[in-house]
Amino acid sequence: MILKVALGEKSYDIVIEKNSLTKAGNLIKPFLKGDKIVIITDENVDKYYGDLVLNSFLKEGLVVEKLVIKPGESSKSIDQAMEIYKFLLDKGVGRKDLLVALGGGVVGDLVGYCAATYLRGIDFYQIPTSLLAQIDSSVGGKVAIDLPYGKNLVGAFYQPKGVLIDEMTLTTLEEKYFIDGMAEAIKYGAIFSEEFFSYLETEAFTLLDVRFGKSMEKVIYQCCNFKRIVVEEDQFENGRRALLNFGHTIGHGIEKVEGFVGHSHGEAVGIGMCLIAKIGEYLGVTDTGTYERLRKLVEQTGLPVEFPVNIKVEVVDAMGYDKKAQGKGIKLIMLSGIGKSFILEEKKENLMNLVNRGIELL
C-alpha cells in the first residue's frame, strides 16, 4: 500500500507493507546520490532490526555506516546532535549521502534535524518502528530537538525522501510504547473523523492482539492519510495543520515540567486532550458529552486522564513557551464535537483560569 505526499519537488511516498524491512535496501537505494548510507538507530531498536536493515543495504552493494544512540527523549538534545555531526564528519559523509532514521519518534525527529542542518541539508529517509512514529511523527517533515525550556523548540520543516512502514515492528514494542501511539490515533479521530473514532472504540486495539496477528494496517493507513491531506494543504503549519496539535500544548507542558522522565508523550497528550475537551464544554464551544466519550476511549486504551495537579502552575507557565504561543496569545486546538476541531486564540493570562476550571470539572 502506497500513499503519496504531493508537495511538488518535495513529494515522497509512504510505503506501508508488512515484512518489508528486508527490502529496505532495494527501496531506498534509488534515493542515494552519493556513496554512503548512514543508519542511525537506538539501542532498543538495534537489537531487533539494526542488522536486518544493515544487511538489506549490503546486499545492494552499498557502503553503510551505523550509529547507535541511547533510547529515550533525553537523546533529542543538542549534545546528541553534536555527537551525530562528529560521527558524520569522521566518516566523511558528504552532501550527496543519505541518512536513514530507524526507530521511533525520538530517532526520527533527531535524525531529521541533523539531516536538515548538516552541511546545510542532506537527504534522509524514515523507517519508523513505533506506532507513534508510524502514524504521526515520521510523516510531514517536522524535525526538531528539545531545549530545557520545552519540547521541539529548535527544528525545521524538512521532508524525508520517503517513509517505509512495516507493522511487524510493533510486535517487539513494550506495551507502554504501543499505548503511547494509540494516543495519536485517538487524536486523529477526535479532530477529523467521528467514523474513525467509532472504529477505535469498537476494535479496542491492544498490543496482545497485534502480537497474535491482528492487523494495524487500517489504523496506520487512515492516520497517515489524514496527515498527508493536511500537510499537502498546509506544509509549514500556517493554518489547518495546527489542528494536529490537539492535546499537545498541555501535553508538552507536562513533559517539560517533568523533565521528560515522568508521563510519556502519549500519556501527556491523553491528559491534554481530555482537559481541553472539558475546558471546551465549560466554554460552551464543545458539545456536551464529548469529554465523556473521549475520556472513555483514552482510559480504554490504557492512558491516564487525570491531570497532575501538583505541577499545575509550572505546566501553565511551560505552555507559554510552546511553539503555538504567539505574542500575548496562544492557539488552543478545541473540539466542537467528536471529529470536528477548530483553533481558538486565547490570551496567555487566561490560561490558568481555564486550566483550573477544567481540572475542577474533570
Protein backbone atom coordinates (compact mmCIF):
# COMPACT_ATOMS: atom_id res chain seq x y z
CA MET A 1 0.00 0.00 0.00
CA ILE A 2 1.45 3.36 -1.02
CA LEU A 3 0.38 6.90 -0.11
CA LYS A 4 1.95 9.79 -1.99
CA VAL A 5 2.53 13.05 -0.14
CA ALA A 6 2.20 15.54 -3.00
CA LEU A 7 4.49 18.51 -2.30
CA GLY A 8 5.86 19.29 -5.74
CA GLU A 9 9.62 18.73 -5.84
CA LYS A 10 9.45 17.59 -2.20
CA SER A 11 6.87 14.85 -2.87
CA TYR A 12 7.51 11.38 -1.46
CA ASP A 13 5.85 8.02 -0.92
CA ILE A 14 4.74 6.39 2.31
CA VAL A 15 5.14 2.64 1.76
CA ILE A 16 3.00 0.57 4.16
CA GLU A 17 3.88 -3.11 3.81
CA LYS A 18 4.18 -5.97 6.29
CA ASN A 19 7.59 -7.71 6.44
CA SER A 20 9.18 -5.06 4.23
CA LEU A 21 12.33 -4.28 6.25
CA THR A 22 14.25 -6.96 4.35
CA LYS A 23 13.62 -4.92 1.18
CA ALA A 24 14.71 -1.59 2.69
CA GLY A 25 17.95 -1.52 0.72
CA ASN A 26 16.21 -2.11 -2.59
CA LEU A 27 13.55 0.53 -1.85
CA ILE A 28 15.94 3.22 -0.60
CA LYS A 29 18.91 2.69 -2.95
CA PRO A 30 17.39 4.84 -5.74
CA PHE A 31 17.44 7.88 -3.44
CA LEU A 32 21.20 7.71 -2.80
CA LYS A 33 23.05 10.27 -4.91
CA GLY A 34 26.42 9.77 -3.23
CA ASP A 35 28.49 6.90 -1.84
CA LYS A 36 27.34 6.27 1.72
CA ILE A 37 24.23 5.47 3.71
CA VAL A 38 24.28 6.07 7.45
CA ILE A 39 21.74 4.25 9.61
CA ILE A 40 21.05 5.96 12.92
CA THR A 41 19.04 3.97 15.44
CA ASP A 42 18.80 3.44 19.19
CA GLU A 43 19.88 0.53 21.37
CA ASN A 44 16.39 -0.92 21.75
CA VAL A 45 15.61 -0.94 18.02
CA ASP A 46 19.10 -2.01 17.01
CA LYS A 47 18.93 -5.35 18.79
CA TYR A 48 15.85 -6.33 16.76
CA TYR A 49 16.24 -4.61 13.40
CA GLY A 50 19.66 -2.97 13.11
CA ASP A 51 21.44 -5.84 11.37
CA LEU A 52 18.36 -6.73 9.31
CA VAL A 53 18.24 -3.27 7.73
CA LEU A 54 22.04 -3.01 7.50
CA ASN A 55 22.24 -6.32 5.62
CA SER A 56 19.48 -5.22 3.23
CA PHE A 57 21.75 -2.34 2.15
CA LEU A 58 24.87 -4.51 1.98
CA LYS A 59 23.02 -6.90 -0.38
CA GLU A 60 22.62 -3.93 -2.73
CA GLY A 61 26.39 -3.37 -2.73
CA LEU A 62 26.16 -0.12 -0.77
CA VAL A 63 28.64 1.41 1.67
CA VAL A 64 26.86 1.55 5.02
CA GLU A 65 27.71 3.00 8.42
CA LYS A 66 25.62 2.58 11.56
CA LEU A 67 25.41 4.74 14.67
CA VAL A 68 23.54 3.51 17.75
CA ILE A 69 22.39 6.05 20.33
CA LYS A 70 20.75 5.85 23.75
CA PRO A 71 16.96 5.46 23.67
CA GLY A 72 14.57 7.99 25.16
CA GLU A 73 13.55 11.64 24.91
CA SER A 74 16.80 12.79 26.53
CA SER A 75 18.57 11.95 23.26
CA LYS A 76 16.64 14.69 21.45
CA SER A 77 19.25 17.19 22.59
CA ILE A 78 21.86 19.49 21.14
CA ASP A 79 24.55 17.33 22.80
CA GLN A 80 23.37 14.22 20.95
CA ALA A 81 23.09 16.19 17.70
CA MET A 82 26.71 17.25 18.13
CA GLU A 83 27.76 13.61 18.54
CA ILE A 84 25.95 12.74 15.31
CA TYR A 85 27.63 15.63 13.45
CA LYS A 86 31.02 14.41 14.68
CA PHE A 87 30.27 10.85 13.57
CA LEU A 88 29.23 12.03 10.11
CA LEU A 89 32.36 14.16 9.72
CA ASP A 90 34.63 11.37 10.95
CA LYS A 91 33.08 9.01 8.39
CA GLY A 92 33.44 11.53 5.58
CA VAL A 93 29.72 11.82 4.92
CA GLY A 94 29.07 14.37 2.19
CA ARG A 95 26.13 16.32 0.81
CA LYS A 96 25.08 13.58 -1.62
CA ASP A 97 25.00 10.86 1.03
CA LEU A 98 21.88 9.69 2.85
CA LEU A 99 20.82 9.29 6.47
CA VAL A 100 18.29 6.64 7.49
CA ALA A 101 16.29 7.14 10.69
CA LEU A 102 15.49 3.67 12.03
CA GLY A 103 13.42 3.95 15.19
CA GLY A 104 10.63 5.75 16.97
CA GLY A 105 9.73 9.40 17.15
CA VAL A 106 12.86 10.46 19.02
CA VAL A 107 15.17 8.94 16.41
CA GLY A 108 13.10 10.30 13.53
CA ASP A 109 12.97 13.83 14.92
CA LEU A 110 16.65 13.87 15.85
CA VAL A 111 17.97 12.37 12.61
CA GLY A 112 15.69 14.63 10.56
CA TYR A 113 17.00 17.67 12.43
CA CYS A 114 20.61 16.61 11.84
CA ALA A 115 19.89 15.95 8.15
CA ALA A 116 18.31 19.40 7.80
CA THR A 117 21.30 21.16 9.35
CA TYR A 118 24.38 19.07 8.49
CA LEU A 119 26.23 20.71 5.56
CA ARG A 120 23.12 22.92 5.15
CA GLY A 121 21.00 19.88 4.44
CA ILE A 122 21.42 16.30 3.22
CA ASP A 123 18.79 13.69 2.30
CA PHE A 124 17.22 11.37 4.86
CA TYR A 125 14.72 8.53 4.84
CA GLN A 126 12.35 7.46 7.61
CA ILE A 127 11.87 3.87 8.78
CA PRO A 128 9.60 4.33 11.82
CA THR A 129 9.38 1.35 14.17
CA SER A 130 6.99 2.59 16.88
CA LEU A 131 3.27 3.13 16.44
CA LEU A 132 3.57 6.82 17.30
CA ALA A 133 6.22 7.33 14.63
CA GLN A 134 4.40 5.24 12.02
CA ILE A 135 1.10 7.08 12.28
CA ASP A 136 2.31 10.57 13.06
CA SER A 137 5.85 11.85 13.54
CA SER A 138 7.55 10.23 10.53
CA VAL A 139 5.18 11.97 8.10
CA GLY A 140 5.12 15.69 7.36
CA GLY A 141 8.70 16.82 7.76
CA LYS A 142 8.58 18.38 11.23
CA VAL A 143 12.01 17.64 12.72
CA ALA A 144 13.40 19.02 15.96
CA ILE A 145 15.33 18.70 19.19
CA ASP A 146 14.31 19.76 22.69
CA LEU A 147 15.65 22.56 24.87
CA PRO A 148 15.49 22.86 28.68
CA TYR A 149 12.70 25.42 28.09
CA GLY A 150 10.46 22.99 26.26
CA LYS A 151 9.91 20.34 23.62
CA ASN A 152 10.74 20.69 19.91
CA LEU A 153 11.79 24.33 20.24
CA VAL A 154 14.67 24.07 17.77
CA GLY A 155 13.87 22.48 14.44
CA ALA A 156 12.83 22.78 10.84
CA PHE A 157 10.30 21.71 8.23
CA TYR A 158 12.39 19.22 6.27
CA GLN A 159 10.72 16.47 4.27
CA PRO A 160 12.19 12.96 4.04
CA LYS A 161 12.83 11.22 0.73
CA GLY A 162 10.34 8.59 1.77
CA VAL A 163 8.81 6.60 4.62
CA LEU A 164 8.82 2.81 4.96
CA ILE A 165 6.36 1.36 7.47
CA ASP A 166 6.46 -2.31 8.47
CA GLU A 167 3.79 -3.01 11.08
CA MET A 168 5.64 -6.14 12.20
CA THR A 169 7.99 -3.90 14.19
CA LEU A 170 5.08 -3.22 16.53
CA THR A 171 5.23 -6.79 17.86
CA THR A 172 8.53 -6.06 19.63
CA LEU A 173 7.36 -2.83 21.28
CA GLU A 174 6.94 -2.58 25.01
CA GLU A 175 3.26 -2.19 25.82
CA LYS A 176 3.69 1.36 27.10
CA TYR A 177 5.03 2.46 23.71
CA PHE A 178 2.16 0.82 21.85
CA ILE A 179 -0.31 2.60 24.11
CA ASP A 180 1.62 5.83 23.53
CA GLY A 181 0.99 5.56 19.81
CA MET A 182 -2.70 4.89 20.30
CA ALA A 183 -3.00 8.39 21.82
CA GLU A 184 -2.13 9.82 18.40
CA ALA A 185 -4.66 7.54 16.68
CA ILE A 186 -7.35 8.79 19.07
CA LYS A 187 -6.28 12.34 18.28
CA TYR A 188 -6.88 11.86 14.56
CA GLY A 189 -10.35 10.51 15.14
CA ALA A 190 -11.19 13.27 17.61
CA ILE A 191 -10.17 16.10 15.29
CA PHE A 192 -11.07 14.75 11.85
CA SER A 193 -13.38 11.72 11.78
CA GLU A 194 -16.17 10.51 14.05
CA GLU A 195 -16.30 7.34 11.91
CA PHE A 196 -12.63 6.55 12.62
CA PHE A 197 -13.12 7.40 16.30
CA SER A 198 -16.01 4.92 16.44
CA TYR A 199 -13.82 2.30 14.76
CA LEU A 200 -11.23 2.69 17.53
CA GLU A 201 -13.98 2.42 20.17
CA THR A 202 -15.29 -0.79 18.62
CA GLU A 203 -11.98 -2.51 17.85
CA ALA A 204 -10.24 -1.65 21.14
CA PHE A 205 -6.73 -2.45 19.82
CA THR A 206 -4.23 -3.96 22.25
CA LEU A 207 -0.61 -4.99 21.80
CA LEU A 208 -1.57 -8.58 22.61
CA ASP A 209 -4.00 -8.53 19.67
CA VAL A 210 -1.23 -7.30 17.37
CA ARG A 211 1.21 -9.95 18.58
CA PHE A 212 -1.42 -12.59 17.78
CA GLY A 213 -1.79 -11.28 14.24
CA LYS A 214 -4.43 -8.53 14.34
CA SER A 215 -3.53 -6.06 11.61
CA MET A 216 -2.94 -2.39 12.30
CA GLU A 217 -2.90 -1.57 8.60
CA LYS A 218 -6.19 0.33 8.61
CA VAL A 219 -5.16 2.42 11.61
CA ILE A 220 -1.76 3.19 10.09
CA TYR A 221 -3.20 3.97 6.66
CA GLN A 222 -6.03 6.17 7.95
CA CYS A 223 -3.77 8.22 10.24
CA CYS A 224 -1.10 8.67 7.55
CA ASN A 225 -3.80 9.68 5.08
CA PHE A 226 -5.27 12.25 7.47
CA LYS A 227 -1.82 13.73 7.96
CA ARG A 228 -0.99 13.61 4.24
CA ILE A 229 -4.08 15.64 3.40
CA VAL A 230 -3.29 18.30 6.00
CA VAL A 231 0.43 18.52 5.14
CA GLU A 232 -0.34 18.94 1.44
CA GLU A 233 -2.69 21.79 2.31
CA ASP A 234 -0.52 23.47 4.95
CA GLN A 235 3.08 22.21 4.84
CA PHE A 236 4.52 24.90 7.13
CA GLU A 237 1.74 24.99 9.75
CA ASN A 238 0.38 28.41 8.93
CA GLY A 239 -3.22 27.28 9.30
CA ARG A 240 -5.08 23.97 9.41
CA ARG A 241 -2.04 21.82 10.20
CA ALA A 242 -2.07 23.28 13.70
CA LEU A 243 -5.14 21.10 14.38
CA LEU A 244 -2.75 18.15 14.64
CA ASN A 245 -1.56 19.65 17.93
CA PHE A 246 -4.82 18.78 19.74
CA GLY A 247 -3.86 17.88 23.32
CA HIS A 248 -0.20 18.65 22.68
CA THR A 249 0.08 22.15 24.15
CA ILE A 250 -0.85 20.85 27.59
CA GLY A 251 0.88 17.53 26.97
CA HIS A 252 4.20 19.14 26.04
CA GLY A 253 3.91 21.31 29.16
CA ILE A 254 3.56 18.22 31.36
CA GLU A 255 6.51 16.51 29.66
CA LYS A 256 8.72 19.57 30.01
CA VAL A 257 7.95 20.16 33.70
CA GLU A 258 8.60 16.50 34.49
CA GLY A 259 11.94 16.67 32.69
CA PHE A 260 10.78 14.17 30.02
CA VAL A 261 11.05 11.32 32.56
CA GLY A 262 7.53 11.38 34.03
CA HIS A 263 4.48 10.92 31.85
CA SER A 264 5.31 9.65 28.37
CA HIS A 265 4.36 11.67 25.30
CA GLY A 266 1.20 9.67 24.67
CA GLU A 267 0.16 9.77 28.31
CA ALA A 268 0.66 13.53 28.47
CA VAL A 269 -1.28 14.04 25.23
CA GLY A 270 -4.10 11.82 26.51
CA ILE A 271 -4.40 14.02 29.59
CA GLY A 272 -4.17 17.14 27.44
CA MET A 273 -6.93 16.00 25.09
CA CYS A 274 -9.31 15.23 27.95
CA LEU A 275 -8.62 18.52 29.72
CA ILE A 276 -9.12 20.55 26.54
CA ALA A 277 -12.43 18.75 25.85
CA LYS A 278 -13.63 19.58 29.35
CA ILE A 279 -12.49 23.21 29.00
CA GLY A 280 -14.36 23.37 25.70
CA GLU A 281 -17.56 22.16 27.34
CA TYR A 282 -17.08 24.76 30.10
CA LEU A 283 -16.67 27.50 27.50
CA GLY A 284 -19.72 26.26 25.61
CA VAL A 285 -17.81 25.65 22.37
CA THR A 286 -17.74 21.83 22.69
CA ASP A 287 -20.83 19.62 22.55
CA THR A 288 -21.84 18.25 25.94
CA GLY A 289 -20.83 14.61 26.23
CA THR A 290 -17.73 14.98 24.04
CA TYR A 291 -15.42 14.83 27.04
CA GLU A 292 -17.06 11.72 28.44
CA ARG A 293 -16.78 9.82 25.17
CA LEU A 294 -13.16 10.90 24.70
CA ARG A 295 -12.28 10.02 28.29
CA LYS A 296 -13.72 6.53 27.95
CA LEU A 297 -11.65 5.76 24.85
CA VAL A 298 -8.49 7.23 26.36
CA GLU A 299 -8.97 5.13 29.51
CA GLN A 300 -9.95 2.03 27.50
CA THR A 301 -6.65 2.34 25.64
CA GLY A 302 -4.70 2.33 28.91
CA LEU A 303 -3.83 6.02 29.03
CA PRO A 304 -4.24 8.26 32.09
CA VAL A 305 -6.85 11.03 32.17
CA GLU A 306 -6.07 12.73 35.47
CA PHE A 307 -4.09 15.97 35.36
CA PRO A 308 -1.05 16.01 37.73
CA VAL A 309 -2.38 18.87 39.87
CA ASN A 310 0.85 19.27 41.85
CA ILE A 311 2.61 20.75 38.80
CA LYS A 312 -0.31 22.79 37.51
CA VAL A 313 1.32 26.22 37.79
CA GLU A 314 4.54 25.03 36.17
CA VAL A 315 2.66 23.38 33.29
CA VAL A 316 0.69 26.55 32.55
CA ASP A 317 3.94 28.52 32.57
CA ALA A 318 5.53 26.00 30.20
CA MET A 319 2.57 26.35 27.84
CA GLY A 320 3.67 29.94 27.32
CA TYR A 321 6.88 28.65 25.71
CA ASP A 322 5.01 26.30 23.40
CA LYS A 323 5.51 26.71 19.64
CA LYS A 324 1.83 27.60 19.34
CA ALA A 325 2.29 30.62 21.61
CA GLN A 326 2.43 33.87 19.65
CA GLY A 327 2.95 37.20 21.37
CA LYS A 328 0.38 37.57 24.15
CA GLY A 329 -1.82 34.79 22.82
CA ILE A 330 -1.73 31.04 22.42
CA LYS A 331 -3.54 28.80 19.96
CA LEU A 332 -5.61 26.11 21.64
CA ILE A 333 -6.94 23.30 19.48
CA MET A 334 -10.56 22.69 20.50
CA LEU A 335 -13.30 20.23 19.57
CA SER A 336 -16.80 21.32 18.66
CA GLY A 337 -17.61 17.60 18.77
CA ILE A 338 -16.00 14.26 18.01
CA GLY A 339 -14.48 14.53 14.54
CA LYS A 340 -14.79 18.33 14.41
CA SER A 341 -12.00 20.66 15.51
CA PHE A 342 -11.05 24.32 15.35
CA ILE A 343 -8.42 26.77 16.56
CA LEU A 344 -9.18 29.08 19.47
CA GLU A 345 -6.84 32.01 20.14
CA GLU A 346 -6.67 32.65 23.89
CA LYS A 347 -4.80 35.21 25.97
CA LYS A 348 -1.94 33.72 27.98
CA GLU A 349 -3.17 35.37 31.18
CA ASN A 350 -6.42 33.40 30.89
CA LEU A 351 -4.72 30.01 30.73
CA MET A 352 -4.51 29.44 34.49
CA ASN A 353 -8.19 30.15 34.97
CA LEU A 354 -9.15 27.81 32.13
CA VAL A 355 -6.88 25.02 33.35
CA ASN A 356 -8.15 25.46 36.92
CA ARG A 357 -11.75 25.28 35.80
CA GLY A 358 -11.09 22.30 33.56
CA ILE A 359 -9.39 20.37 36.37
CA GLU A 360 -12.27 21.15 38.74
CA LEU A 361 -14.74 19.70 36.24
CA LEU A 362 -12.76 16.57 35.27
